Amino acid sequence: RSTQQSQTSNVLLDVHFLSVVQRKYEELIDAMPMHVKVARAEQIFQWSRYWIMRRVLSEKGPMSTQRLRLEIALKMYGHEMPVRQLIEKALADVPH
């Protein structure tokens, strides 16, 4: 058996395994009551904001709470130009 065939087989097995895991995950999520899904989404959102906050602080150092909130918002939503412009305008008026 060639290395190429072996690698292809491994990839196919990995894809099959992932699809089985993905299906099981989706079944579990679908079975959750809505309030549990919402609470889970809130936890993930808070975790991501915390992670971004740590990244901003490590990149830019200490700053005011107001500036930190705007810097986090810029990281989260800055890919949308109108939002980026609003956040950058607000940042211009906030002391470091």
PDB file of N, CA and C in Angstrom:
ATOM      1  N   ARG A   1       0.849  -1.181   0.000  1.00  0.00           N
ATOM      2  CA  ARG A   1       0.000   0.000   0.000  1.00  0.00           C
ATOM      3  C   ARG A   1       0.887   1.234   0.000  1.00  0.00           C
ATOM      4  N   SER A   2       0.603   2.153  -0.875  1.00  0.00           N
ATOM      5  CA  SER A   2       1.449   3.344  -0.982  1.00  0.00           C
ATOM      6  C   SER A   2       1.165   4.314   0.155  1.00  0.00           C
ATOM      7  N   THR A   3       2.135   5.183   0.370  1.00  0.00           N
ATOM      8  CA  THR A   3       1.978   6.217   1.393  1.00  0.00           C
ATOM      9  C   THR A   3       0.806   7.120   1.059  1.00  0.00           C
ATOM     10  N   GLN A   4       0.644   7.441  -0.225  1.00  0.00           N
ATOM     11  CA  GLN A   4      -0.462   8.292  -0.675  1.00  0.00           C
ATOM     12  C   GLN A   4      -1.811   7.658  -0.330  1.00  0.00           C
ATOM     13  N   GLN A   5      -1.953   6.354  -0.621  1.00  0.00           N
ATOM     14  CA  GLN A   5      -3.208   5.661  -0.314  1.00  0.00           C
ATOM     15  C   GLN A   5      -3.450   5.615   1.183  1.00  0.00           C
ATOM     16  N   SER A   6      -2.396   5.390   1.937  1.00  0.00           N
ATOM     17  CA  SER A   6      -2.508   5.326   3.386  1.00  0.00           C
ATOM     18  C   SER A   6      -2.956   6.676   3.953  1.00  0.00           C
ATOM     19  N   GLN A   7      -2.362   7.755   3.460  1.00  0.00           N
ATOM     20  CA  GLN A   7      -2.744   9.092   3.914  1.00  0.00           C
ATOM     21  C   GLN A   7      -4.189   9.399   3.543  1.00  0.00           C
ATOM     22  N   THR A   8      -4.590   9.011   2.331  1.00  0.00           N
ATOM     23  CA  THR A   8      -5.967   9.229   1.890  1.00  0.00           C
ATOM     24  C   THR A   8      -6.933   8.469   2.775  1.00  0.00           C
ATOM     25  N   SER A   9      -6.604   7.221   3.096  1.00  0.00           N
ATOM     26  CA  SER A   9      -7.463   6.417   3.976  1.00  0.00           C
ATOM     27  C   SER A   9      -7.578   7.048   5.354  1.00  0.00           C
ATOM     28  N   ASN A  10      -6.453   7.542   5.882  1.00  0.00           N
ATOM     29  CA  ASN A  10      -6.475   8.179   7.201  1.00  0.00           C
ATOM     30  C   ASN A  10      -7.342   9.433   7.196  1.00  0.00           C
ATOM     31  N   VAL A  11      -7.244  10.205   6.139  1.00  0.00           N
ATOM     32  CA  VAL A  11      -8.067  11.414   6.027  1.00  0.00           C
ATOM     33  C   VAL A  11      -9.536  11.033   5.969  1.00  0.00           C
ATOM     34  N   LEU A  12      -9.869  10.028   5.195  1.00  0.00           N
ATOM     35  CA  LEU A  12     -11.268   9.599   5.095  1.00  0.00           C
ATOM     36  C   LEU A  12     -11.782   9.090   6.432  1.00  0.00           C
ATOM     37  N   LEU A  13     -10.939   8.345   7.157  1.00  0.00           N
ATOM     38  CA  LEU A  13     -11.341   7.873   8.482  1.00  0.00           C
ATOM     39  C   LEU A  13     -11.544   9.060   9.426  1.00  0.00           C
ATOM     40  N   ASP A  14     -10.640  10.039   9.375  1.00  0.00           N
ATOM     41  CA  ASP A  14     -10.772  11.227  10.210  1.00  0.00           C
ATOM     42  C   ASP A  14     -12.052  11.985   9.884  1.00  0.00           C
ATOM     43  N   VAL A  15     -12.356  12.138   8.599  1.00  0.00           N
ATOM     44  CA  VAL A  15     -13.568  12.842   8.181  1.00  0.00           C
ATOM     45  C   VAL A  15     -14.790  12.081   8.664  1.00  0.00           C
ATOM     46  N   HIS A  16     -14.773  10.753   8.538  1.00  0.00           N
ATOM     47  CA  HIS A  16     -15.905   9.946   9.002  1.00  0.00           C
ATOM     48  C   HIS A  16     -16.063  10.101  10.514  1.00  0.00           C
ATOM     49  N   PHE A  17     -14.951  10.009  11.248  1.00  0.00           N
ATOM     50  CA  PHE A  17     -15.005  10.149  12.696  1.00  0.00           C
ATOM     51  C   PHE A  17     -15.559  11.517  13.068  1.00  0.00           C
ATOM     52  N   LEU A  18     -15.053  12.573  12.409  1.00  0.00           N
ATOM     53  CA  LEU A  18     -15.539  13.916  12.704  1.00  0.00           C
ATOM     54  C   LEU A  18     -17.022  14.046  12.385  1.00  0.00           C
ATOM     55  N   SER A  19     -17.464  13.442  11.300  1.00  0.00           N
ATOM     56  CA  SER A  19     -18.878  13.558  10.966  1.00  0.00           C
ATOM     57  C   SER A  19     -19.737  12.837  12.011  1.00  0.00           C
ATOM     58  N   VAL A  20     -19.252  11.712  12.545  1.00  0.00           N
ATOM     59  CA  VAL A  20     -19.983  11.006  13.602  1.00  0.00           C
ATOM     60  C   VAL A  20     -20.024  11.875  14.859  1.00  0.00           C
ATOM     61  N   VAL A  21     -18.895  12.453  15.207  1.00  0.00           N
ATOM     62  CA  VAL A  21     -18.829  13.322  16.385  1.00  0.00           C
ATOM     63  C   VAL A  21     -19.711  14.549  16.172  1.00  0.00           C
ATOM     64  N   GLN A  22     -19.640  15.132  14.979  1.00  0.00           N
ATOM     65  CA  GLN A  22     -20.458  16.312  14.668  1.00  0.00           C
ATOM     66  C   GLN A  22     -21.941  15.990  14.767  1.00  0.00           C
ATOM     67  N   ARG A  23     -22.341  14.851  14.231  1.00  0.00           N
ATOM     68  CA  ARG A  23     -23.766  14.463  14.310  1.00  0.00           C
ATOM     69  C   ARG A  23     -24.204  14.282  15.758  1.00  0.00           C
ATOM     70  N   LYS A  24     -23.372  13.652  16.560  1.00  0.00           N
ATOM     71  CA  LYS A  24     -23.704  13.437  17.970  1.00  0.00           C
ATOM     72  C   LYS A  24     -23.812  14.783  18.698  1.00  0.00           C
ATOM     73  N   TYR A  25     -22.878  15.687  18.422  1.00  0.00           N
ATOM     74  CA  TYR A  25     -22.907  17.018  19.013  1.00  0.00           C
ATOM     75  C   TYR A  25     -24.202  17.729  18.648  1.00  0.00           C
ATOM     76  N   GLU A  26     -24.564  17.692  17.378  1.00  0.00           N
ATOM     77  CA  GLU A  26     -25.787  18.357  16.922  1.00  0.00           C
ATOM     78  C   GLU A  26     -27.025  17.747  17.567  1.00  0.00           C
ATOM     79  N   GLU A  27     -27.038  16.419  17.733  1.00  0.00           N
ATOM     80  CA  GLU A  27     -28.159  15.771  18.412  1.00  0.00           C
ATOM     81  C   GLU A  27     -28.284  16.279  19.850  1.00  0.00           C
ATOM     82  N   LEU A  28     -27.160  16.367  20.534  1.00  0.00           N
ATOM     83  CA  LEU A  28     -27.175  16.836  21.929  1.00  0.00           C
ATOM     84  C   LEU A  28     -27.622  18.288  22.022  1.00  0.00           C
ATOM     85  N   ILE A  29     -27.130  19.111  21.121  1.00  0.00           N
ATOM     86  CA  ILE A  29     -27.532  20.523  21.111  1.00  0.00           C
ATOM     87  C   ILE A  29     -29.029  20.642  20.806  1.00  0.00           C
ATOM     88  N   ASP A  30     -29.495  19.900  19.799  1.00  0.00           N
ATOM     89  CA  ASP A  30     -30.917  19.946  19.439  1.00  0.00           C
ATOM     90  C   ASP A  30     -31.820  19.511  20.586  1.00  0.00           C
ATOM     91  N   ALA A  31     -31.320  18.600  21.421  1.00  0.00           N
ATOM     92  CA  ALA A  31     -32.122  18.091  22.533  1.00  0.00           C
ATOM     93  C   ALA A  31     -32.169  19.059  23.726  1.00  0.00           C
ATOM     94  N   MET A  32     -31.290  20.048  23.741  1.00  0.00           N
ATOM     95  CA  MET A  32     -31.258  20.997  24.858  1.00  0.00           C
ATOM     96  C   MET A  32     -32.493  21.893  24.844  1.00  0.00           C
ATOM     97  N   PRO A  33     -33.027  22.192  26.021  1.00  0.00           N
ATOM     98  CA  PRO A  33     -34.096  23.195  26.088  1.00  0.00           C
ATOM     99  C   PRO A  33     -33.544  24.556  25.661  1.00  0.00           C
ATOM    100  N   MET A  34     -34.409  25.413  25.166  1.00  0.00           N
ATOM    101  CA  MET A  34     -33.975  26.710  24.645  1.00  0.00           C
ATOM    102  C   MET A  34     -33.245  27.534  25.700  1.00  0.00           C
ATOM    103  N   HIS A  35     -33.719  27.536  26.932  1.00  0.00           N
ATOM    104  CA  HIS A  35     -33.054  28.346  27.959  1.00  0.00           C
ATOM    105  C   HIS A  35     -31.625  27.864  28.217  1.00  0.00           C
ATOM    106  N   VAL A  36     -31.371  26.587  28.049  1.00  0.00           N
ATOM    107  CA  VAL A  36     -30.016  26.049  28.213  1.00  0.00           C
ATOM    108  C   VAL A  36     -29.139  26.494  27.035  1.00  0.00           C
ATOM    109  N   LYS A  37     -29.704  26.473  25.828  1.00  0.00           N
ATOM    110  CA  LYS A  37     -28.954  26.940  24.649  1.00  0.00           C
ATOM    111  C   LYS A  37     -28.576  28.410  24.792  1.00  0.00           C
ATOM    112  N   VAL A  38     -29.523  29.209  25.272  1.00  0.00           N
ATOM    113  CA  VAL A  38     -29.264  30.641  25.440  1.00  0.00           C
ATOM    114  C   VAL A  38     -28.193  30.853  26.518  1.00  0.00           C
ATOM    115  N   ALA A  39     -28.285  30.143  27.615  1.00  0.00           N
ATOM    116  CA  ALA A  39     -27.284  30.275  28.684  1.00  0.00           C
ATOM    117  C   ALA A  39     -25.908  29.847  28.181  1.00  0.00           C
ATOM    118  N   ARG A  40     -25.870  28.799  27.391  1.00  0.00           N
ATOM    119  CA  ARG A  40     -24.606  28.313  26.814  1.00  0.00           C
ATOM    120  C   ARG A  40     -24.008  29.357  25.870  1.00  0.00           C
ATOM    121  N   ALA A  41     -24.842  29.952  25.041  1.00  0.00           N
ATOM    122  CA  ALA A  41     -24.376  30.987  24.120  1.00  0.00           C
ATOM    123  C   ALA A  41     -23.833  32.186  24.905  1.00  0.00           C
ATOM    124  N   GLU A  42     -24.501  32.558  25.987  1.00  0.00           N
ATOM    125  CA  GLU A  42     -24.051  33.665  26.829  1.00  0.00           C
ATOM    126  C   GLU A  42     -22.683  33.354  27.437  1.00  0.00           C
ATOM    127  N   GLN A  43     -22.499  32.134  27.906  1.00  0.00           N
ATOM    128  CA  GLN A  43     -21.210  31.746  28.480  1.00  0.00           C
ATOM    129  C   GLN A  43     -20.097  31.814  27.430  1.00  0.00           C
ATOM    130  N   ILE A  44     -20.378  31.341  26.229  1.00  0.00           N
ATOM    131  CA  ILE A  44     -19.386  31.381  25.156  1.00  0.00           C
ATOM    132  C   ILE A  44     -19.068  32.827  24.795  1.00  0.00           C
ATOM    133  N   PHE A  45     -20.086  33.677  24.726  1.00  0.00           N
ATOM    134  CA  PHE A  45     -19.886  35.092  24.421  1.00  0.00           C
ATOM    135  C   PHE A  45     -19.013  35.751  25.493  1.00  0.00           C
ATOM    136  N   GLN A  46     -19.321  35.504  26.763  1.00  0.00           N
ATOM    137  CA  GLN A  46     -18.540  36.089  27.855  1.00  0.00           C
ATOM    138  C   GLN A  46     -17.098  35.585  27.824  1.00  0.00           C
ATOM    139  N   TRP A  47     -16.924  34.300  27.545  1.00  0.00           N
ATOM    140  CA  TRP A  47     -15.573  33.743  27.453  1.00  0.00           C
ATOM    141  C   TRP A  47     -14.792  34.423  26.336  1.00  0.00           C
ATOM    142  N   SER A  48     -15.427  34.623  25.184  1.00  0.00           N
ATOM    143  CA  SER A  48     -14.725  35.240  24.055  1.00  0.00           C
ATOM    144  C   SER A  48     -14.385  36.697  24.353  1.00  0.00           C
ATOM    145  N   ARG A  49     -15.274  37.418  25.015  1.00  0.00           N
ATOM    146  CA  ARG A  49     -14.969  38.811  25.405  1.00  0.00           C
ATOM    147  C   ARG A  49     -13.797  38.857  26.372  1.00  0.00           C
ATOM    148  N   TYR A  50     -13.771  37.925  27.307  1.00  0.00           N
ATOM    149  CA  TYR A  50     -12.669  37.861  28.279  1.00  0.00           C
ATOM    150  C   TYR A  50     -11.350  37.579  27.570  1.00  0.00           C
ATOM    151  N   TRP A  51     -11.358  36.628  26.632  1.00  0.00           N
ATOM    152  CA  TRP A  51     -10.159  36.277  25.876  1.00  0.00           C
ATOM    153  C   TRP A  51      -9.668  37.482  25.081  1.00  0.00           C
ATOM    154  N   ILE A  52     -10.592  38.198  24.436  1.00  0.00           N
ATOM    155  CA  ILE A  52     -10.227  39.387  23.666  1.00  0.00           C
ATOM    156  C   ILE A  52      -9.701  40.479  24.602  1.00  0.00           C
ATOM    157  N   MET A  53     -10.302  40.627  25.776  1.00  0.00           N
ATOM    158  CA  MET A  53      -9.834  41.620  26.743  1.00  0.00           C
ATOM    159  C   MET A  53      -8.382  41.340  27.126  1.00  0.00           C
ATOM    160  N   ARG A  54      -8.056  40.103  27.406  1.00  0.00           N
ATOM    161  CA  ARG A  54      -6.683  39.742  27.761  1.00  0.00           C
ATOM    162  C   ARG A  54      -5.732  40.048  26.619  1.00  0.00           C
ATOM    163  N   ARG A  55      -6.169  39.771  25.408  1.00  0.00           N
ATOM    164  CA  ARG A  55      -5.334  40.045  24.230  1.00  0.00           C
ATOM    165  C   ARG A  55      -5.095  41.548  24.066  1.00  0.00           C
ATOM    166  N   VAL A  56      -6.153  42.340  24.197  1.00  0.00           N
ATOM    167  CA  VAL A  56      -6.022  43.796  24.068  1.00  0.00           C
ATOM    168  C   VAL A  56      -5.067  44.332  25.130  1.00  0.00           C
ATOM    169  N   LEU A  57      -5.240  43.896  26.367  1.00  0.00           N
ATOM    170  CA  LEU A  57      -4.382  44.376  27.452  1.00  0.00           C
ATOM    171  C   LEU A  57      -2.922  43.963  27.246  1.00  0.00           C
ATOM    172  N   SER A  58      -2.701  42.765  26.719  1.00  0.00           N
ATOM    173  CA  SER A  58      -1.322  42.334  26.493  1.00  0.00           C
ATOM    174  C   SER A  58      -0.690  43.113  25.340  1.00  0.00           C
ATOM    175  N   GLU A  59      -1.498  43.506  24.359  1.00  0.00           N
ATOM    176  CA  GLU A  59      -0.980  44.255  23.217  1.00  0.00           C
ATOM    177  C   GLU A  59      -0.800  45.743  23.518  1.00  0.00           C
ATOM    178  N   LYS A  60      -1.733  46.321  24.279  1.00  0.00           N
ATOM    179  CA  LYS A  60      -1.750  47.780  24.440  1.00  0.00           C
ATOM    180  C   LYS A  60      -1.481  48.258  25.859  1.00  0.00           C
ATOM    181  N   GLY A  61      -1.429  47.351  26.812  1.00  0.00           N
ATOM    182  CA  GLY A  61      -1.165  47.736  28.191  1.00  0.00           C
ATOM    183  C   GLY A  61      -2.408  48.247  28.897  1.00  0.00           C
ATOM    184  N   PRO A  62      -2.230  48.713  30.138  1.00  0.00           N
ATOM    185  CA  PRO A  62      -3.370  49.177  30.938  1.00  0.00           C
ATOM    186  C   PRO A  62      -4.084  50.362  30.279  1.00  0.00           C
ATOM    187  N   MET A  63      -5.386  50.435  30.515  1.00  0.00           N
ATOM    188  CA  MET A  63      -6.199  51.528  29.972  1.00  0.00           C
ATOM    189  C   MET A  63      -7.465  51.658  30.802  1.00  0.00           C
ATOM    190  N   SER A  64      -8.183  52.737  30.579  1.00  0.00           N
ATOM    191  CA  SER A  64      -9.432  52.956  31.303  1.00  0.00           C
ATOM    192  C   SER A  64     -10.458  51.890  30.906  1.00  0.00           C
ATOM    193  N   THR A  65     -11.416  51.669  31.777  1.00  0.00           N
ATOM    194  CA  THR A  65     -12.474  50.695  31.515  1.00  0.00           C
ATOM    195  C   THR A  65     -13.252  51.050  30.256  1.00  0.00           C
ATOM    196  N   GLN A  66     -13.546  52.333  30.094  1.00  0.00           N
ATOM    197  CA  GLN A  66     -14.301  52.774  28.916  1.00  0.00           C
ATOM    198  C   GLN A  66     -13.519  52.487  27.628  1.00  0.00           C
ATOM    199  N   ARG A  67     -12.223  52.789  27.638  1.00  0.00           N
ATOM    200  CA  ARG A  67     -11.397  52.537  26.458  1.00  0.00           C
ATOM    201  C   ARG A  67     -11.297  51.035  26.197  1.00  0.00           C
ATOM    202  N   LEU A  68     -11.126  50.248  27.249  1.00  0.00           N
ATOM    203  CA  LEU A  68     -11.028  48.791  27.103  1.00  0.00           C
ATOM    204  C   LEU A  68     -12.290  48.239  26.457  1.00  0.00           C
ATOM    205  N   ARG A  69     -13.455  48.695  26.898  1.00  0.00           N
ATOM    206  CA  ARG A  69     -14.714  48.229  26.299  1.00  0.00           C
ATOM    207  C   ARG A  69     -14.762  48.541  24.805  1.00  0.00           C
ATOM    208  N   LEU A  70     -14.319  49.730  24.438  1.00  0.00           N
ATOM    209  CA  LEU A  70     -14.325  50.103  23.021  1.00  0.00           C
ATOM    210  C   LEU A  70     -13.297  49.310  22.219  1.00  0.00           C
ATOM    211  N   GLU A  71     -12.133  49.071  22.805  1.00  0.00           N
ATOM    212  CA  GLU A  71     -11.107  48.274  22.124  1.00  0.00           C
ATOM    213  C   GLU A  71     -11.601  46.840  21.897  1.00  0.00           C
ATOM    214  N   ILE A  72     -12.299  46.295  22.880  1.00  0.00           N
ATOM    215  CA  ILE A  72     -12.880  44.953  22.729  1.00  0.00           C
ATOM    216  C   ILE A  72     -13.920  44.966  21.618  1.00  0.00           C
ATOM    217  N   ALA A  73     -14.776  45.971  21.627  1.00  0.00           N
ATOM    218  CA  ALA A  73     -15.801  46.084  20.581  1.00  0.00           C
ATOM    219  C   ALA A  73     -15.157  46.200  19.204  1.00  0.00           C
ATOM    220  N   LEU A  74     -14.059  46.928  19.121  1.00  0.00           N
ATOM    221  CA  LEU A  74     -13.361  47.081  17.846  1.00  0.00           C
ATOM    222  C   LEU A  74     -12.843  45.730  17.348  1.00  0.00           C
ATOM    223  N   LYS A  75     -12.296  44.935  18.260  1.00  0.00           N
ATOM    224  CA  LYS A  75     -11.815  43.590  17.877  1.00  0.00           C
ATOM    225  C   LYS A  75     -12.983  42.700  17.443  1.00  0.00           C
ATOM    226  N   MET A  76     -14.112  42.820  18.126  1.00  0.00           N
ATOM    227  CA  MET A  76     -15.238  41.935  17.848  1.00  0.00           C
ATOM    228  C   MET A  76     -16.030  42.345  16.606  1.00  0.00           C
ATOM    229  N   TYR A  77     -16.192  43.644  16.414  1.00  0.00           N
ATOM    230  CA  TYR A  77     -17.102  44.119  15.368  1.00  0.00           C
ATOM    231  C   TYR A  77     -16.445  45.027  14.331  1.00  0.00           C
ATOM    232  N   GLY A  78     -15.133  45.223  14.445  1.00  0.00           N
ATOM    233  CA  GLY A  78     -14.434  46.145  13.569  1.00  0.00           C
ATOM    234  C   GLY A  78     -14.379  45.736  12.109  1.00  0.00           C
ATOM    235  N   HIS A  79     -14.734  44.513  11.810  1.00  0.00           N
ATOM    236  CA  HIS A  79     -14.736  44.061  10.407  1.00  0.00           C
ATOM    237  C   HIS A  79     -15.877  44.707   9.611  1.00  0.00           C
ATOM    238  N   GLU A  80     -16.857  45.271  10.301  1.00  0.00           N
ATOM    239  CA  GLU A  80     -17.961  45.974   9.634  1.00  0.00           C
ATOM    240  C   GLU A  80     -17.618  47.471   9.628  1.00  0.00           C
ATOM    241  N   MET A  81     -17.361  48.008   8.440  1.00  0.00           N
ATOM    242  CA  MET A  81     -16.833  49.377   8.331  1.00  0.00           C
ATOM    243  C   MET A  81     -17.669  50.437   9.052  1.00  0.00           C
ATOM    244  N   PRO A  82     -18.998  50.462   8.933  1.00  0.00           N
ATOM    245  CA  PRO A  82     -19.752  51.501   9.660  1.00  0.00           C
ATOM    246  C   PRO A  82     -19.568  51.388  11.179  1.00  0.00           C
ATOM    247  N   VAL A  83     -19.518  50.166  11.676  1.00  0.00           N
ATOM    248  CA  VAL A  83     -19.325  49.954  13.112  1.00  0.00           C
ATOM    249  C   VAL A  83     -17.915  50.383  13.503  1.00  0.00           C
ATOM    250  N   ARG A  84     -16.934  50.001  12.698  1.00  0.00           N
ATOM    251  CA  ARG A  84     -15.550  50.387  12.957  1.00  0.00           C
ATOM    252  C   ARG A  84     -15.428  51.912  13.062  1.00  0.00           C
ATOM    253  N   GLN A  85     -16.057  52.616  12.145  1.00  0.00           N
ATOM    254  CA  GLN A  85     -15.978  54.073  12.147  1.00  0.00           C
ATOM    255  C   GLN A  85     -16.582  54.668  13.412  1.00  0.00           C
ATOM    256  N   LEU A  86     -17.709  54.122  13.847  1.00  0.00           N
ATOM    257  CA  LEU A  86     -18.335  54.603  15.088  1.00  0.00           C
ATOM    258  C   LEU A  86     -17.431  54.355  16.294  1.00  0.00           C
ATOM    259  N   ILE A  87     -16.862  53.159  16.368  1.00  0.00           N
ATOM    260  CA  ILE A  87     -16.001  52.820  17.507  1.00  0.00           C
ATOM    261  C   ILE A  87     -14.745  53.680  17.495  1.00  0.00           C
ATOM    262  N   GLU A  88     -14.135  53.843  16.331  1.00  0.00           N
ATOM    263  CA  GLU A  88     -12.929  54.667  16.243  1.00  0.00           C
ATOM    264  C   GLU A  88     -13.217  56.121  16.608  1.00  0.00           C
ATOM    265  N   LYS A  89     -14.384  56.624  16.214  1.00  0.00           N
ATOM    266  CA  LYS A  89     -14.770  57.991  16.595  1.00  0.00           C
ATOM    267  C   LYS A  89     -14.914  58.103  18.115  1.00  0.00           C
ATOM    268  N   ALA A  90     -15.534  57.104  18.718  1.00  0.00           N
ATOM    269  CA  ALA A  90     -15.690  57.108  20.174  1.00  0.00           C
ATOM    270  C   ALA A  90     -14.320  56.988  20.869  1.00  0.00           C
ATOM    271  N   LEU A  91     -13.422  56.175  20.320  1.00  0.00           N
ATOM    272  CA  LEU A  91     -12.095  56.009  20.891  1.00  0.00           C
ATOM    273  C   LEU A  91     -11.299  57.322  20.881  1.00  0.00           C
ATOM    274  N   ALA A  92     -11.533  58.122  19.869  1.00  0.00           N
ATOM    275  CA  ALA A  92     -10.806  59.397  19.776  1.00  0.00           C
ATOM    276  C   ALA A  92     -11.134  60.321  20.944  1.00  0.00           C
ATOM    277  N   ASP A  93     -12.306  60.145  21.554  1.00  0.00           N
ATOM    278  CA  ASP A  93     -12.740  61.012  22.655  1.00  0.00           C
ATOM    279  C   ASP A  93     -12.486  60.408  24.039  1.00  0.00           C
ATOM    280  N   VAL A  94     -11.880  59.217  24.075  1.00  0.00           N
ATOM    281  CA  VAL A  94     -11.684  58.537  25.355  1.00  0.00           C
ATOM    282  C   VAL A  94     -10.194  58.564  25.722  1.00  0.00           C
ATOM    283  N   PRO A  95      -9.877  59.031  26.929  1.00  0.00           N
ATOM    284  CA  PRO A  95      -8.459  59.032  27.345  1.00  0.00           C
ATOM    285  C   PRO A  95      -7.933  57.596  27.531  1.00  0.00           C
ATOM    286  N   HIS A  96      -6.638  57.473  27.405  1.00  0.00           N
ATOM    287  CA  HIS A  96      -6.008  56.164  27.597  1.00  0.00           C
ATOM    288  C   HIS A  96      -6.062  55.815  29.063  1.00  0.00           C
TER     289      HIS A  96
END
